[in-house]
Structures are given as C-alpha cells and as structure tokens.
C-alpha atoms as a PDB file:
ATOM      1  CA  MET A   1      64.311  59.387 212.871  1.00  0.00           C
ATOM      2  CA  GLY A   2      61.982  62.083 211.245  1.00  0.00           C
ATOM      3  CA  LEU A   3      63.115  64.836 209.494  1.00  0.00           C
ATOM      4  CA  PRO A   4      62.842  68.353 211.317  1.00  0.00           C
ATOM      5  CA  ARG A   5      59.946  70.538 211.019  1.00  0.00           C
ATOM      6  CA  PRO A   6      60.580  72.755 208.540  1.00  0.00           C
ATOM      7  CA  ARG A   7      61.178  76.788 209.879  1.00  0.00           C
ATOM      8  CA  LYS A   8      58.649  79.141 208.996  1.00  0.00           C
ATOM      9  CA  GLY A   9      59.869  82.712 208.158  1.00  0.00           C
ATOM     10  CA  ARG A  10      58.892  85.209 210.701  1.00  0.00           C
ATOM     11  CA  ARG A  11      57.033  87.975 209.638  1.00  0.00           C
ATOM     12  CA  VAL A  12      58.445  91.172 209.407  1.00  0.00           C
ATOM     13  CA  CYS A  13      57.256  94.776 209.106  1.00  0.00           C
ATOM     14  CA  SER A  14      59.803  97.155 209.510  1.00  0.00           C
ATOM     15  CA  LEU A  15      63.678  97.157 209.182  1.00  0.00           C
ATOM     16  CA  PRO A  16      65.664  99.212 211.218  1.00  0.00           C
ATOM     17  CA  LYS A  17      66.977 102.571 209.385  1.00  0.00           C
ATOM     18  CA  ALA A  18      70.584 101.906 210.767  1.00  0.00           C
ATOM     19  CA  ASN A  19      71.481  98.154 211.938  1.00  0.00           C
ATOM     20  CA  CYS A  20      75.047  98.988 213.560  1.00  0.00           C
ATOM     21  CA  PHE A  21      75.009 100.645 216.896  1.00  0.00           C
ATOM     22  CA  GLY A  22      78.451 101.468 218.931  1.00  0.00           C
ATOM     23  CA  PRO A  23      79.965 103.704 222.098  1.00  0.00           C
ATOM     24  CA  LEU A  24      80.797 106.770 221.107  1.00  0.00           C
ATOM     25  CA  GLY A  25      83.929 108.639 222.544  1.00  0.00           C
ATOM     26  CA  VAL A  26      85.394 104.968 223.999  1.00  0.00           C
ATOM     27  CA  ALA A  27      87.090 102.077 222.132  1.00  0.00           C
ATOM     28  CA  PRO A  28      84.507  99.318 222.212  1.00  0.00           C
ATOM     29  CA  GLU A  29      85.538  96.744 224.519  1.00  0.00           C
ATOM     30  CA  GLY A  30      83.278  93.299 223.996  1.00  0.00           C
ATOM     31  CA  GLU A  31      82.985  91.824 221.008  1.00  0.00           C
ATOM     32  CA  GLU A  32      80.730  92.700 218.450  1.00  0.00           C
ATOM     33  CA  ILE A  33      77.101  91.287 219.064  1.00  0.00           C
ATOM     34  CA  ILE A  34      74.534  90.166 216.296  1.00  0.00           C
ATOM     35  CA  MET A  35      70.864  90.611 217.000  1.00  0.00           C
ATOM     36  CA  THR A  36      68.729  89.152 214.263  1.00  0.00           C
ATOM     37  CA  VAL A  37      65.906  90.632 212.194  1.00  0.00           C
ATOM     38  CA  GLU A  38      63.203  89.137 213.985  1.00  0.00           C
ATOM     39  CA  GLU A  39      64.973  89.629 217.508  1.00  0.00           C
ATOM     40  CA  TYR A  40      64.599  93.433 216.560  1.00  0.00           C
ATOM     41  CA  GLU A  41      61.212  93.354 215.715  1.00  0.00           C
ATOM     42  CA  THR A  42      60.080  91.721 218.623  1.00  0.00           C
ATOM     43  CA  ILE A  43      61.982  95.039 220.670  1.00  0.00           C
ATOM     44  CA  ARG A  44      60.195  97.224 218.592  1.00  0.00           C
ATOM     45  CA  LEU A  45      57.039  95.602 218.344  1.00  0.00           C
ATOM     46  CA  MET A  46      56.611  94.915 222.295  1.00  0.00           C
ATOM     47  CA  ASP A  47      58.802  97.529 223.800  1.00  0.00           C
ATOM     48  CA  LEU A  48      57.708 100.832 221.067  1.00  0.00           C
ATOM     49  CA  GLU A  49      54.673  99.774 219.684  1.00  0.00           C
ATOM     50  CA  GLY A  50      53.374  98.345 223.185  1.00  0.00           C
ATOM     51  CA  LEU A  51      51.982  94.915 221.734  1.00  0.00           C
ATOM     52  CA  THR A  52      51.557  92.034 224.107  1.00  0.00           C
ATOM     53  CA  GLN A  53      53.340  88.397 222.984  1.00  0.00           C
ATOM     54  CA  GLU A  54      50.233  87.105 222.165  1.00  0.00           C
ATOM     55  CA  GLU A  55      49.756  90.309 219.516  1.00  0.00           C
ATOM     56  CA  VAL A  56      53.494  90.078 218.736  1.00  0.00           C
ATOM     57  CA  ALA A  57      53.353  86.110 217.582  1.00  0.00           C
ATOM     58  CA  GLU A  58      50.084  86.861 216.182  1.00  0.00           C
ATOM     59  CA  LEU A  59      51.526  89.531 213.694  1.00  0.00           C
ATOM     60  CA  MET A  60      54.985  87.680 212.980  1.00  0.00           C
ATOM     61  CA  ASN A  61      53.368  84.648 212.320  1.00  0.00           C
ATOM     62  CA  VAL A  62      54.974  82.888 215.009  1.00  0.00           C
ATOM     63  CA  ALA A  63      53.978  80.569 218.493  1.00  0.00           C
ATOM     64  CA  ARG A  64      53.976  83.176 221.669  1.00  0.00           C
ATOM     65  CA  THR A  65      56.587  80.988 222.905  1.00  0.00           C
ATOM     66  CA  THR A  66      58.946  81.477 219.892  1.00  0.00           C
ATOM     67  CA  VAL A  67      58.336  85.743 220.721  1.00  0.00           C
ATOM     68  CA  GLN A  68      59.084  84.742 224.197  1.00  0.00           C
ATOM     69  CA  ARG A  69      62.668  83.223 223.749  1.00  0.00           C
ATOM     70  CA  MET A  70      63.615  85.861 220.697  1.00  0.00           C
ATOM     71  CA  TYR A  71      62.242  89.044 223.290  1.00  0.00           C
ATOM     72  CA  ALA A  72      64.907  87.618 225.752  1.00  0.00           C
ATOM     73  CA  SER A  73      67.571  86.993 223.405  1.00  0.00           C
ATOM     74  CA  ALA A  74      67.257  89.994 222.630  1.00  0.00           C
ATOM     75  CA  ARG A  75      66.798  92.196 225.594  1.00  0.00           C
ATOM     76  CA  GLN A  76      70.057  90.325 226.672  1.00  0.00           C
ATOM     77  CA  LYS A  77      72.086  91.188 223.430  1.00  0.00           C
ATOM     78  CA  VAL A  78      70.831  95.035 224.553  1.00  0.00           C
ATOM     79  CA  ALA A  79      72.375  94.620 227.630  1.00  0.00           C
ATOM     80  CA  GLN A  80      75.696  93.354 227.112  1.00  0.00           C
ATOM     81  CA  ALA A  81      76.192  95.524 224.220  1.00  0.00           C
ATOM     82  CA  LEU A  82      75.554  98.981 226.743  1.00  0.00           C
ATOM     83  CA  PHE A  83      77.554  97.060 230.117  1.00  0.00           C
ATOM     84  CA  TYR A  84      80.151  96.171 227.623  1.00  0.00           C
ATOM     85  CA  PRO A  85      80.708  99.129 225.923  1.00  0.00           C
ATOM     86  CA  SER A  86      80.473  96.667 222.600  1.00  0.00           C
ATOM     87  CA  ILE A  87      78.845  96.873 218.495  1.00  0.00           C
ATOM     88  CA  LEU A  88      75.224  96.058 218.397  1.00  0.00           C
ATOM     89  CA  ARG A  89      74.773  95.012 214.572  1.00  0.00           C
ATOM     90  CA  ILE A  90      71.538  94.040 213.322  1.00  0.00           C
ATOM     91  CA  GLU A  91      71.298  91.479 210.607  1.00  0.00           C
ATOM     92  CA  GLY A  92      70.678  88.118 209.510  1.00  0.00           C
ATOM     93  CA  GLY A  93      67.695  85.656 210.458  1.00  0.00           C
ATOM     94  CA  ASP A  94      64.897  83.719 209.466  1.00  0.00           C
ATOM     95  CA  TYR A  95      62.395  86.084 208.487  1.00  0.00           C
ATOM     96  CA  GLU A  96      59.683  87.635 205.329  1.00  0.00           C
ATOM     97  CA  LEU A  97      59.306  91.264 205.223  1.00  0.00           C
ATOM     98  CA  HIS A  98      55.647  92.218 204.874  1.00  0.00           C
ATOM     99  CA  PRO A  99      55.387  93.264 201.211  1.00  0.00           C
ATOM    100  CA  HIS A 100      54.173  96.577 202.173  1.00  0.00           C
ATOM    101  CA  SER A 101      56.672  97.471 204.623  1.00  0.00           C
ATOM    102  CA  GLY A 102      60.225  99.379 204.000  1.00  0.00           C
ATOM    103  CA  PRO A 103      63.665 100.404 206.206  1.00  0.00           C
ATOM    104  CA  GLY A 104      62.737 102.243 209.139  1.00  0.00           C
ATOM    105  CA  ARG A 105      59.103 101.969 208.788  1.00  0.00           C
ATOM    106  CA  GLY A 106      56.006  99.685 209.142  1.00  0.00           C
ATOM    107  CA  CYS A 107      53.845  98.093 206.794  1.00  0.00           C
ATOM    108  CA  GLY A 108      51.018  99.970 208.723  1.00  0.00           C
ATOM    109  CA  ARG A 109      48.968  97.085 209.589  1.00  0.00           C
ATOM    110  CA  CYS A 110      49.430  97.332 213.176  1.00  0.00           C
ATOM    111  CA  ALA A 111      48.134 100.613 213.316  1.00  0.00           C
ATOM    112  CA  ARG A 112      45.098 100.097 210.662  1.00  0.00           C
ATOM    113  CA  GLN A 113      44.160  96.939 213.357  1.00  0.00           C
ATOM    114  CA  GLY A 114      44.024  99.995 216.202  1.00  0.00           C
ATOM    115  CA  ARG A 115      47.378  98.150 217.973  1.00  0.00           C
ATOM    116  CA  GLY A 116      50.287  99.915 219.585  1.00  0.00           C
ATOM    117  CA  ARG A 117      50.906 103.548 218.918  1.00  0.00           C
ATOM    118  CA  ARG A 118      53.022 105.759 216.624  1.00  0.00           C
ATOM    119  CA  LEU A 119      55.531 108.014 217.523  1.00  0.00           C
ATOM    120  CA  GLU A 120      55.282 111.683 216.782  1.00  0.00           C
ATOM    121  CA  ASN A 121      57.589 112.509 215.010  1.00  0.00           C
ATOM    122  CA  GLU A 122      57.104 109.480 212.548  1.00  0.00           C
END
C-alpha cells in the first residue's frame, strides 16, 4: 500500500475580522459549529466577491471539486448555525495565508486581476 498523497496548503487571501458568531438574546441551542478558514474563504470568494468555482480553485491552488466540497460544507454549517441557534466559530484547517494579506482584508490580488467586487465601506 502506498503512502497517502500529501495535502497542499490551500491558499487563503483573507482571515475573518471576527471568528465567532452566535445568536443574540437567546441561549445557543445546538452544539458549537466549527468552520475551517478555507471553508470561510470559499464563502467569501464565491458569495461576497462573486467568483466562480473555477476562479476560486485557481486562487486557492486546489481542484474545482475541492472548492465545491468545501463550499457545500461551509454553507451547511452556516444553515445549521442559523436554524439551531448555535455558535459558529471559524478556526483551524489546512491553509497558507497569502503573504500580502492580513486579518479581515484580502491580498488585493483578486481586485488587481479584475475579479470580484469591492464593498463601498472597505
């Protein structure tokens, strides 16, 4: 039996400004839900920046099927946190932070390449 193929670190351009979210005014009902940093990045790039799965795969240096799997997992976790008022925490994973990025802001590479859109208050 061969050795498993080593996992590549998924390239991430932006870390969340806040990494913990939860219900206000009611006690959390469900268990705490953990979303990885790379799952967060797929939500940011696809839903906020408007990129396609192929563009996200290129930026994150992974296969499109990997993006599809991470995105589906992230969306399910968001839905669970909303439906069963739960704490959603973003942490961990297997990623490499782009060297020109920082907490809560992208590396600017997406905007420089004409991809996605910037929010007015950024």
